[in-house]
Amino acid sequence: MQPVSPVVSRSEEERNESQFIDEWHQAKDRATAIVGRKFIMPVCIDTDADESTVRRYSRARSLFGALEFGLAPGGRLSVKLRDALTAELWSLRI
């Protein structure tokens, strides 16, 4: 199973209902059966997303709890996020 990367943004936080939220809940439920590796890696895409602004995503934080959030300001993956995703994908190779 490949990792899931929920896209987190200010506009998502402002929605009352969306398909994304349903998919997030499904991914969280599915993650309970996956042991030993990351399955969900939320990704913050606002242009000003950085380590200090991640806490503003209260809905995503309440759902994903202590998971580490990746950063992709304006859709550009940070080096840290790229390396984490690459490592997870490599771990799936047989």
PDB file of N, CA and C in Angstrom:
ATOM      1  N   MET A   1       0.819  -1.180   0.000  1.00  0.00           N
ATOM      2  CA  MET A   1       0.000   0.000   0.000  1.00  0.00           C
ATOM      3  C   MET A   1       0.864   1.244   0.000  1.00  0.00           C
ATOM      4  N   GLN A   2       0.574   2.125  -0.919  1.00  0.00           N
ATOM      5  CA  GLN A   2       1.339   3.362  -0.998  1.00  0.00           C
ATOM      6  C   GLN A   2       0.865   4.348   0.054  1.00  0.00           C
ATOM      7  N   PRO A   3       1.760   5.233   0.508  1.00  0.00           N
ATOM      8  CA  PRO A   3       1.376   6.254   1.482  1.00  0.00           C
ATOM      9  C   PRO A   3       0.289   7.174   0.919  1.00  0.00           C
ATOM     10  N   VAL A   4      -0.507   7.706   1.803  1.00  0.00           N
ATOM     11  CA  VAL A   4      -1.550   8.657   1.460  1.00  0.00           C
ATOM     12  C   VAL A   4      -1.094  10.012   1.951  1.00  0.00           C
ATOM     13  N   SER A   5      -1.229  11.039   1.117  1.00  0.00           N
ATOM     14  CA  SER A   5      -0.823  12.391   1.504  1.00  0.00           C
ATOM     15  C   SER A   5      -2.007  13.341   1.402  1.00  0.00           C
ATOM     16  N   PRO A   6      -2.778  13.468   2.483  1.00  0.00           N
ATOM     17  CA  PRO A   6      -3.888  14.428   2.468  1.00  0.00           C
ATOM     18  C   PRO A   6      -3.354  15.842   2.248  1.00  0.00           C
ATOM     19  N   VAL A   7      -4.002  16.574   1.376  1.00  0.00           N
ATOM     20  CA  VAL A   7      -3.604  17.951   1.088  1.00  0.00           C
ATOM     21  C   VAL A   7      -4.310  18.861   2.081  1.00  0.00           C
ATOM     22  N   VAL A   8      -3.535  19.657   2.801  1.00  0.00           N
ATOM     23  CA  VAL A   8      -4.048  20.540   3.839  1.00  0.00           C
ATOM     24  C   VAL A   8      -3.810  21.982   3.418  1.00  0.00           C
ATOM     25  N   SER A   9      -4.861  22.802   3.541  1.00  0.00           N
ATOM     26  CA  SER A   9      -4.730  24.216   3.188  1.00  0.00           C
ATOM     27  C   SER A   9      -5.725  25.044   3.976  1.00  0.00           C
ATOM     28  N   ARG A  10      -5.554  26.354   3.942  1.00  0.00           N
ATOM     29  CA  ARG A  10      -6.490  27.259   4.604  1.00  0.00           C
ATOM     30  C   ARG A  10      -7.890  27.084   4.046  1.00  0.00           C
ATOM     31  N   SER A  11      -8.016  26.965   2.721  1.00  0.00           N
ATOM     32  CA  SER A  11      -9.345  26.833   2.122  1.00  0.00           C
ATOM     33  C   SER A  11     -10.011  25.527   2.548  1.00  0.00           C
ATOM     34  N   GLU A  12      -9.247  24.473   2.734  1.00  0.00           N
ATOM     35  CA  GLU A  12      -9.807  23.214   3.220  1.00  0.00           C
ATOM     36  C   GLU A  12     -10.324  23.392   4.637  1.00  0.00           C
ATOM     37  N   GLU A  13      -9.582  24.099   5.466  1.00  0.00           N
ATOM     38  CA  GLU A  13      -9.984  24.317   6.853  1.00  0.00           C
ATOM     39  C   GLU A  13     -11.300  25.092   6.949  1.00  0.00           C
ATOM     40  N   GLU A  14     -11.610  25.895   5.945  1.00  0.00           N
ATOM     41  CA  GLU A  14     -12.819  26.722   5.970  1.00  0.00           C
ATOM     42  C   GLU A  14     -14.064  25.975   5.495  1.00  0.00           C
ATOM     43  N   ARG A  15     -13.902  24.819   4.880  1.00  0.00           N
ATOM     44  CA  ARG A  15     -15.051  24.058   4.375  1.00  0.00           C
ATOM     45  C   ARG A  15     -15.769  23.349   5.511  1.00  0.00           C
ATOM     46  N   ASN A  16     -17.087  23.265   5.383  1.00  0.00           N
ATOM     47  CA  ASN A  16     -17.878  22.523   6.361  1.00  0.00           C
ATOM     48  C   ASN A  16     -17.993  21.057   5.998  1.00  0.00           C
ATOM     49  N   GLU A  17     -17.932  20.772   4.712  1.00  0.00           N
ATOM     50  CA  GLU A  17     -18.087  19.405   4.248  1.00  0.00           C
ATOM     51  C   GLU A  17     -17.374  19.280   2.908  1.00  0.00           C
ATOM     52  N   SER A  18     -16.745  18.151   2.686  1.00  0.00           N
ATOM     53  CA  SER A  18     -16.104  17.934   1.390  1.00  0.00           C
ATOM     54  C   SER A  18     -15.721  16.470   1.234  1.00  0.00           C
ATOM     55  N   GLN A  19     -15.473  16.080   0.015  1.00  0.00           N
ATOM     56  CA  GLN A  19     -15.020  14.723  -0.273  1.00  0.00           C
ATOM     57  C   GLN A  19     -13.675  14.471   0.388  1.00  0.00           C
ATOM     58  N   PHE A  20     -12.841  15.508   0.457  1.00  0.00           N
ATOM     59  CA  PHE A  20     -11.529  15.357   1.076  1.00  0.00           C
ATOM     60  C   PHE A  20     -11.646  14.889   2.517  1.00  0.00           C
ATOM     61  N   ILE A  21     -12.577  15.467   3.248  1.00  0.00           N
ATOM     62  CA  ILE A  21     -12.730  15.110   4.655  1.00  0.00           C
ATOM     63  C   ILE A  21     -13.141  13.649   4.790  1.00  0.00           C
ATOM     64  N   ASP A  22     -14.055  13.198   3.940  1.00  0.00           N
ATOM     65  CA  ASP A  22     -14.449  11.780   3.954  1.00  0.00           C
ATOM     66  C   ASP A  22     -13.244  10.880   3.664  1.00  0.00           C
ATOM     67  N   GLU A  23     -12.438  11.268   2.687  1.00  0.00           N
ATOM     68  CA  GLU A  23     -11.261  10.471   2.341  1.00  0.00           C
ATOM     69  C   GLU A  23     -10.254  10.460   3.490  1.00  0.00           C
ATOM     70  N   TRP A  24     -10.122  11.560   4.192  1.00  0.00           N
ATOM     71  CA  TRP A  24      -9.210  11.617   5.338  1.00  0.00           C
ATOM     72  C   TRP A  24      -9.631  10.613   6.407  1.00  0.00           C
ATOM     73  N   HIS A  25     -10.933  10.562   6.681  1.00  0.00           N
ATOM     74  CA  HIS A  25     -11.428   9.620   7.686  1.00  0.00           C
ATOM     75  C   HIS A  25     -11.187   8.181   7.236  1.00  0.00           C
ATOM     76  N   GLN A  26     -11.398   7.894   5.962  1.00  0.00           N
ATOM     77  CA  GLN A  26     -11.151   6.546   5.445  1.00  0.00           C
ATOM     78  C   GLN A  26      -9.678   6.170   5.579  1.00  0.00           C
ATOM     79  N   ALA A  27      -8.794   7.109   5.275  1.00  0.00           N
ATOM     80  CA  ALA A  27      -7.352   6.841   5.384  1.00  0.00           C
ATOM     81  C   ALA A  27      -6.966   6.594   6.836  1.00  0.00           C
ATOM     82  N   LYS A  28      -7.520   7.372   7.745  1.00  0.00           N
ATOM     83  CA  LYS A  28      -7.206   7.186   9.165  1.00  0.00           C
ATOM     84  C   LYS A  28      -7.668   5.810   9.632  1.00  0.00           C
ATOM     85  N   ASP A  29      -8.864   5.405   9.229  1.00  0.00           N
ATOM     86  CA  ASP A  29      -9.366   4.076   9.594  1.00  0.00           C
ATOM     87  C   ASP A  29      -8.475   2.983   9.014  1.00  0.00           C
ATOM     88  N   ARG A  30      -8.068   3.142   7.784  1.00  0.00           N
ATOM     89  CA  ARG A  30      -7.214   2.145   7.120  1.00  0.00           C
ATOM     90  C   ARG A  30      -5.839   2.068   7.778  1.00  0.00           C
ATOM     91  N   ALA A  31      -5.335   3.193   8.244  1.00  0.00           N
ATOM     92  CA  ALA A  31      -3.993   3.246   8.834  1.00  0.00           C
ATOM     93  C   ALA A  31      -3.882   2.404  10.100  1.00  0.00           C
ATOM     94  N   THR A  32      -4.985   2.159  10.773  1.00  0.00           N
ATOM     95  CA  THR A  32      -4.923   1.364  12.003  1.00  0.00           C
ATOM     96  C   THR A  32      -4.456  -0.066  11.738  1.00  0.00           C
ATOM     97  N   ALA A  33      -4.617  -0.543  10.511  1.00  0.00           N
ATOM     98  CA  ALA A  33      -4.203  -1.907  10.168  1.00  0.00           C
ATOM     99  C   ALA A  33      -2.777  -1.975   9.621  1.00  0.00           C
ATOM    100  N   ILE A  34      -2.143  -0.830   9.465  1.00  0.00           N
ATOM    101  CA  ILE A  34      -0.797  -0.795   8.879  1.00  0.00           C
ATOM    102  C   ILE A  34       0.211  -0.552   9.993  1.00  0.00           C
ATOM    103  N   VAL A  35       1.086  -1.511  10.186  1.00  0.00           N
ATOM    104  CA  VAL A  35       2.050  -1.449  11.278  1.00  0.00           C
ATOM    105  C   VAL A  35       3.458  -1.354  10.707  1.00  0.00           C
ATOM    106  N   GLY A  36       4.296  -0.546  11.316  1.00  0.00           N
ATOM    107  CA  GLY A  36       5.702  -0.534  10.974  1.00  0.00           C
ATOM    108  C   GLY A  36       6.146   0.468   9.930  1.00  0.00           C
ATOM    109  N   ARG A  37       5.216   1.282   9.429  1.00  0.00           N
ATOM    110  CA  ARG A  37       5.640   2.314   8.486  1.00  0.00           C
ATOM    111  C   ARG A  37       4.595   3.423   8.421  1.00  0.00           C
ATOM    112  N   LYS A  38       5.010   4.533   7.845  1.00  0.00           N
ATOM    113  CA  LYS A  38       4.092   5.659   7.682  1.00  0.00           C
ATOM    114  C   LYS A  38       3.098   5.333   6.575  1.00  0.00           C
ATOM    115  N   PHE A  39       1.849   5.647   6.815  1.00  0.00           N
ATOM    116  CA  PHE A  39       0.844   5.478   5.773  1.00  0.00           C
ATOM    117  C   PHE A  39       0.226   6.827   5.409  1.00  0.00           C
ATOM    118  N   ILE A  40       0.036   7.674   6.406  1.00  0.00           N
ATOM    119  CA  ILE A  40      -0.552   8.989   6.162  1.00  0.00           C
ATOM    120  C   ILE A  40       0.511  10.053   6.400  1.00  0.00           C
ATOM    121  N   MET A  41       0.698  10.912   5.401  1.00  0.00           N
ATOM    122  CA  MET A  41       1.610  12.045   5.508  1.00  0.00           C
ATOM    123  C   MET A  41       0.865  13.294   5.044  1.00  0.00           C
ATOM    124  N   PRO A  42       0.189  13.994   5.956  1.00  0.00           N
ATOM    125  CA  PRO A  42      -0.514  15.218   5.552  1.00  0.00           C
ATOM    126  C   PRO A  42       0.471  16.237   4.985  1.00  0.00           C
ATOM    127  N   VAL A  43       0.047  16.943   3.947  1.00  0.00           N
ATOM    128  CA  VAL A  43       0.924  17.901   3.280  1.00  0.00           C
ATOM    129  C   VAL A  43       0.256  19.277   3.237  1.00  0.00           C
ATOM    130  N   CYS A  44       0.919  20.279   3.797  1.00  0.00           N
ATOM    131  CA  CYS A  44       0.433  21.659   3.810  1.00  0.00           C
ATOM    132  C   CYS A  44       0.914  22.370   2.553  1.00  0.00           C
ATOM    133  N   ILE A  45      -0.040  22.944   1.792  1.00  0.00           N
ATOM    134  CA  ILE A  45       0.319  23.505   0.488  1.00  0.00           C
ATOM    135  C   ILE A  45       0.173  25.016   0.373  1.00  0.00           C
ATOM    136  N   ASP A  46      -0.295  25.698   1.421  1.00  0.00           N
ATOM    137  CA  ASP A  46      -0.416  27.156   1.321  1.00  0.00           C
ATOM    138  C   ASP A  46       0.950  27.761   1.007  1.00  0.00           C
ATOM    139  N   THR A  47       0.954  28.860   0.278  1.00  0.00           N
ATOM    140  CA  THR A  47       2.219  29.452  -0.154  1.00  0.00           C
ATOM    141  C   THR A  47       3.111  29.849   1.015  1.00  0.00           C
ATOM    142  N   ASP A  48       2.506  30.143   2.166  1.00  0.00           N
ATOM    143  CA  ASP A  48       3.304  30.536   3.328  1.00  0.00           C
ATOM    144  C   ASP A  48       3.480  29.406   4.345  1.00  0.00           C
ATOM    145  N   ALA A  49       3.169  28.182   3.955  1.00  0.00           N
ATOM    146  CA  ALA A  49       3.271  27.043   4.883  1.00  0.00           C
ATOM    147  C   ALA A  49       4.717  26.834   5.314  1.00  0.00           C
ATOM    148  N   ASP A  50       4.911  26.785   6.624  1.00  0.00           N
ATOM    149  CA  ASP A  50       6.211  26.450   7.186  1.00  0.00           C
ATOM    150  C   ASP A  50       5.984  25.801   8.544  1.00  0.00           C
ATOM    151  N   GLU A  51       7.052  25.409   9.210  1.00  0.00           N
ATOM    152  CA  GLU A  51       6.939  24.696  10.485  1.00  0.00           C
ATOM    153  C   GLU A  51       6.118  25.477  11.509  1.00  0.00           C
ATOM    154  N   SER A  52       6.206  26.791  11.503  1.00  0.00           N
ATOM    155  CA  SER A  52       5.509  27.590  12.512  1.00  0.00           C
ATOM    156  C   SER A  52       4.028  27.783  12.197  1.00  0.00           C
ATOM    157  N   THR A  53       3.606  27.585  10.951  1.00  0.00           N
ATOM    158  CA  THR A  53       2.206  27.810  10.593  1.00  0.00           C
ATOM    159  C   THR A  53       1.373  26.532  10.567  1.00  0.00           C
ATOM    160  N   VAL A  54       1.995  25.390  10.737  1.00  0.00           N
ATOM    161  CA  VAL A  54       1.281  24.120  10.648  1.00  0.00           C
ATOM    162  C   VAL A  54       0.178  24.029  11.696  1.00  0.00           C
ATOM    163  N   ARG A  55       0.358  24.611  12.852  1.00  0.00           N
ATOM    164  CA  ARG A  55      -0.648  24.482  13.910  1.00  0.00           C
ATOM    165  C   ARG A  55      -1.963  25.181  13.574  1.00  0.00           C
ATOM    166  N   ARG A  56      -1.992  26.034  12.553  1.00  0.00           N
ATOM    167  CA  ARG A  56      -3.241  26.708  12.195  1.00  0.00           C
ATOM    168  C   ARG A  56      -4.257  25.770  11.533  1.00  0.00           C
ATOM    169  N   TYR A  57      -3.823  24.586  11.134  1.00  0.00           N
ATOM    170  CA  TYR A  57      -4.717  23.628  10.492  1.00  0.00           C
ATOM    171  C   TYR A  57      -5.399  22.784  11.571  1.00  0.00           C
ATOM    172  N   SER A  58      -6.325  23.384  12.291  1.00  0.00           N
ATOM    173  CA  SER A  58      -6.901  22.734  13.467  1.00  0.00           C
ATOM    174  C   SER A  58      -7.712  21.485  13.124  1.00  0.00           C
ATOM    175  N   ARG A  59      -8.457  21.503  12.033  1.00  0.00           N
ATOM    176  CA  ARG A  59      -9.248  20.324  11.666  1.00  0.00           C
ATOM    177  C   ARG A  59      -8.330  19.155  11.324  1.00  0.00           C
ATOM    178  N   ALA A  60      -7.350  19.398  10.512  1.00  0.00           N
ATOM    179  CA  ALA A  60      -6.411  18.339  10.140  1.00  0.00           C
ATOM    180  C   ALA A  60      -5.642  17.858  11.364  1.00  0.00           C
ATOM    181  N   ARG A  61      -5.239  18.770  12.227  1.00  0.00           N
ATOM    182  CA  ARG A  61      -4.520  18.399  13.450  1.00  0.00           C
ATOM    183  C   ARG A  61      -5.387  17.525  14.341  1.00  0.00           C
ATOM    184  N   SER A  62      -6.681  17.867  14.463  1.00  0.00           N
ATOM    185  CA  SER A  62      -7.543  17.064  15.339  1.00  0.00           C
ATOM    186  C   SER A  62      -7.747  15.660  14.773  1.00  0.00           C
ATOM    187  N   LEU A  63      -7.769  15.528  13.474  1.00  0.00           N
ATOM    188  CA  LEU A  63      -7.959  14.209  12.862  1.00  0.00           C
ATOM    189  C   LEU A  63      -6.680  13.385  12.849  1.00  0.00           C
ATOM    190  N   PHE A  64      -5.562  14.007  12.492  1.00  0.00           N
ATOM    191  CA  PHE A  64      -4.319  13.266  12.321  1.00  0.00           C
ATOM    192  C   PHE A  64      -3.399  13.318  13.533  1.00  0.00           C
ATOM    193  N   GLY A  65      -3.793  14.071  14.540  1.00  0.00           N
ATOM    194  CA  GLY A  65      -3.070  14.072  15.809  1.00  0.00           C
ATOM    195  C   GLY A  65      -1.596  14.381  15.690  1.00  0.00           C
ATOM    196  N   ALA A  66      -0.787  13.452  16.160  1.00  0.00           N
ATOM    197  CA  ALA A  66       0.647  13.676  16.279  1.00  0.00           C
ATOM    198  C   ALA A  66       1.440  13.375  15.014  1.00  0.00           C
ATOM    199  N   LEU A  67       0.763  13.057  13.914  1.00  0.00           N
ATOM    200  CA  LEU A  67       1.507  12.786  12.683  1.00  0.00           C
ATOM    201  C   LEU A  67       2.312  14.011  12.260  1.00  0.00           C
ATOM    202  N   GLU A  68       3.452  13.757  11.681  1.00  0.00           N
ATOM    203  CA  GLU A  68       4.266  14.853  11.165  1.00  0.00           C
ATOM    204  C   GLU A  68       3.661  15.347   9.852  1.00  0.00           C
ATOM    205  N   PHE A  69       3.491  16.658   9.756  1.00  0.00           N
ATOM    206  CA  PHE A  69       2.950  17.256   8.545  1.00  0.00           C
ATOM    207  C   PHE A  69       4.095  17.640   7.621  1.00  0.00           C
ATOM    208  N   GLY A  70       3.949  17.291   6.343  1.00  0.00           N
ATOM    209  CA  GLY A  70       4.937  17.679   5.348  1.00  0.00           C
ATOM    210  C   GLY A  70       4.632  19.071   4.827  1.00  0.00           C
ATOM    211  N   LEU A  71       5.630  19.703   4.261  1.00  0.00           N
ATOM    212  CA  LEU A  71       5.467  21.054   3.724  1.00  0.00           C
ATOM    213  C   LEU A  71       5.717  21.061   2.224  1.00  0.00           C
ATOM    214  N   ALA A  72       4.788  21.686   1.514  1.00  0.00           N
ATOM    215  CA  ALA A  72       4.922  21.884   0.071  1.00  0.00           C
ATOM    216  C   ALA A  72       4.341  23.254  -0.255  1.00  0.00           C
ATOM    217  N   PRO A  73       5.020  24.319   0.218  1.00  0.00           N
ATOM    218  CA  PRO A  73       4.494  25.667  -0.005  1.00  0.00           C
ATOM    219  C   PRO A  73       4.260  25.935  -1.485  1.00  0.00           C
ATOM    220  N   GLY A  74       3.033  26.336  -1.808  1.00  0.00           N
ATOM    221  CA  GLY A  74       2.706  26.602  -3.202  1.00  0.00           C
ATOM    222  C   GLY A  74       2.798  25.379  -4.091  1.00  0.00           C
ATOM    223  N   GLY A  75       2.776  24.193  -3.500  1.00  0.00           N
ATOM    224  CA  GLY A  75       2.856  22.952  -4.275  1.00  0.00           C
ATOM    225  C   GLY A  75       4.269  22.448  -4.512  1.00  0.00           C
ATOM    226  N   ARG A  76       5.261  23.135  -3.963  1.00  0.00           N
ATOM    227  CA  ARG A  76       6.659  22.710  -4.131  1.00  0.00           C
ATOM    228  C   ARG A  76       7.116  21.933  -2.905  1.00  0.00           C
ATOM    229  N   LEU A  77       7.439  20.666  -3.093  1.00  0.00           N
ATOM    230  CA  LEU A  77       7.838  19.821  -1.973  1.00  0.00           C
ATOM    231  C   LEU A  77       9.109  20.324  -1.310  1.00  0.00           C
ATOM    232  N   SER A  78       9.087  20.359   0.021  1.00  0.00           N
ATOM    233  CA  SER A  78      10.315  20.661   0.750  1.00  0.00           C
ATOM    234  C   SER A  78      11.251  19.470   0.598  1.00  0.00           C
ATOM    235  N   VAL A  79      12.517  19.688   0.829  1.00  0.00           N
ATOM    236  CA  VAL A  79      13.493  18.601   0.742  1.00  0.00           C
ATOM    237  C   VAL A  79      13.136  17.510   1.747  1.00  0.00           C
ATOM    238  N   LYS A  80      12.758  17.907   2.951  1.00  0.00           N
ATOM    239  CA  LYS A  80      12.402  16.944   3.995  1.00  0.00           C
ATOM    240  C   LYS A  80      11.215  16.074   3.569  1.00  0.00           C
ATOM    241  N   LEU A  81      10.184  16.681   2.987  1.00  0.00           N
ATOM    242  CA  LEU A  81       9.017  15.922   2.541  1.00  0.00           C
ATOM    243  C   LEU A  81       9.382  15.017   1.367  1.00  0.00           C
ATOM    244  N   ARG A  82      10.125  15.545   0.422  1.00  0.00           N
ATOM    245  CA  ARG A  82      10.538  14.725  -0.729  1.00  0.00           C
ATOM    246  C   ARG A  82      11.313  13.498  -0.262  1.00  0.00           C
ATOM    247  N   ASP A  83      12.235  13.695   0.669  1.00  0.00           N
ATOM    248  CA  ASP A  83      13.038  12.576   1.164  1.00  0.00           C
ATOM    249  C   ASP A  83      12.178  11.555   1.912  1.00  0.00           C
ATOM    250  N   ALA A  84      11.207  12.029   2.708  1.00  0.00           N
ATOM    251  CA  ALA A  84      10.333  11.125   3.456  1.00  0.00           C
ATOM    252  C   ALA A  84       9.462  10.302   2.504  1.00  0.00           C
ATOM    253  N   LEU A  85       8.879  10.948   1.502  1.00  0.00           N
ATOM    254  CA  LEU A  85       8.054  10.232   0.533  1.00  0.00           C
ATOM    255  C   LEU A  85       8.875   9.245  -0.278  1.00  0.00           C
ATOM    256  N   THR A  86      10.059   9.657  -0.679  1.00  0.00           N
ATOM    257  CA  THR A  86      10.939   8.772  -1.439  1.00  0.00           C
ATOM    258  C   THR A  86      11.294   7.535  -0.623  1.00  0.00           C
ATOM    259  N   ALA A  87      11.627   7.745   0.644  1.00  0.00           N
ATOM    260  CA  ALA A  87      11.982   6.610   1.504  1.00  0.00           C
ATOM    261  C   ALA A  87      10.812   5.644   1.658  1.00  0.00           C
ATOM    262  N   GLU A  88       9.618   6.176   1.840  1.00  0.00           N
ATOM    263  CA  GLU A  88       8.442   5.304   1.967  1.00  0.00           C
ATOM    264  C   GLU A  88       8.160   4.536   0.688  1.00  0.00           C
ATOM    265  N   LEU A  89       8.277   5.202  -0.432  1.00  0.00           N
ATOM    266  CA  LEU A  89       8.041   4.516  -1.705  1.00  0.00           C
ATOM    267  C   LEU A  89       9.103   3.459  -1.976  1.00  0.00           C
ATOM    268  N   TRP A  90      10.353   3.733  -1.646  1.00  0.00           N
ATOM    269  CA  TRP A  90      11.412   2.741  -1.817  1.00  0.00           C
ATOM    270  C   TRP A  90      11.163   1.528  -0.932  1.00  0.00           C
ATOM    271  N   SER A  91      10.585   1.755   0.253  1.00  0.00           N
ATOM    272  CA  SER A  91      10.340   0.626   1.158  1.00  0.00           C
ATOM    273  C   SER A  91       9.283  -0.331   0.616  1.00  0.00           C
ATOM    274  N   LEU A  92       8.506   0.116  -0.371  1.00  0.00           N
ATOM    275  CA  LEU A  92       7.484  -0.729  -0.972  1.00  0.00           C
ATOM    276  C   LEU A  92       8.016  -1.631  -2.071  1.00  0.00           C
ATOM    277  N   ARG A  93       9.219  -1.352  -2.525  1.00  0.00           N
ATOM    278  CA  ARG A  93       9.794  -2.166  -3.612  1.00  0.00           C
ATOM    279  C   ARG A  93      10.065  -3.575  -3.120  1.00  0.00           C
ATOM    280  N   ILE A  94       9.818  -4.503  -3.980  1.00  0.00           N
ATOM    281  CA  ILE A  94      10.041  -5.924  -3.619  1.00  0.00           C
ATOM    282  C   ILE A  94      11.280  -6.429  -4.322  1.00  0.00           C
TER     283      ILE A  94
END
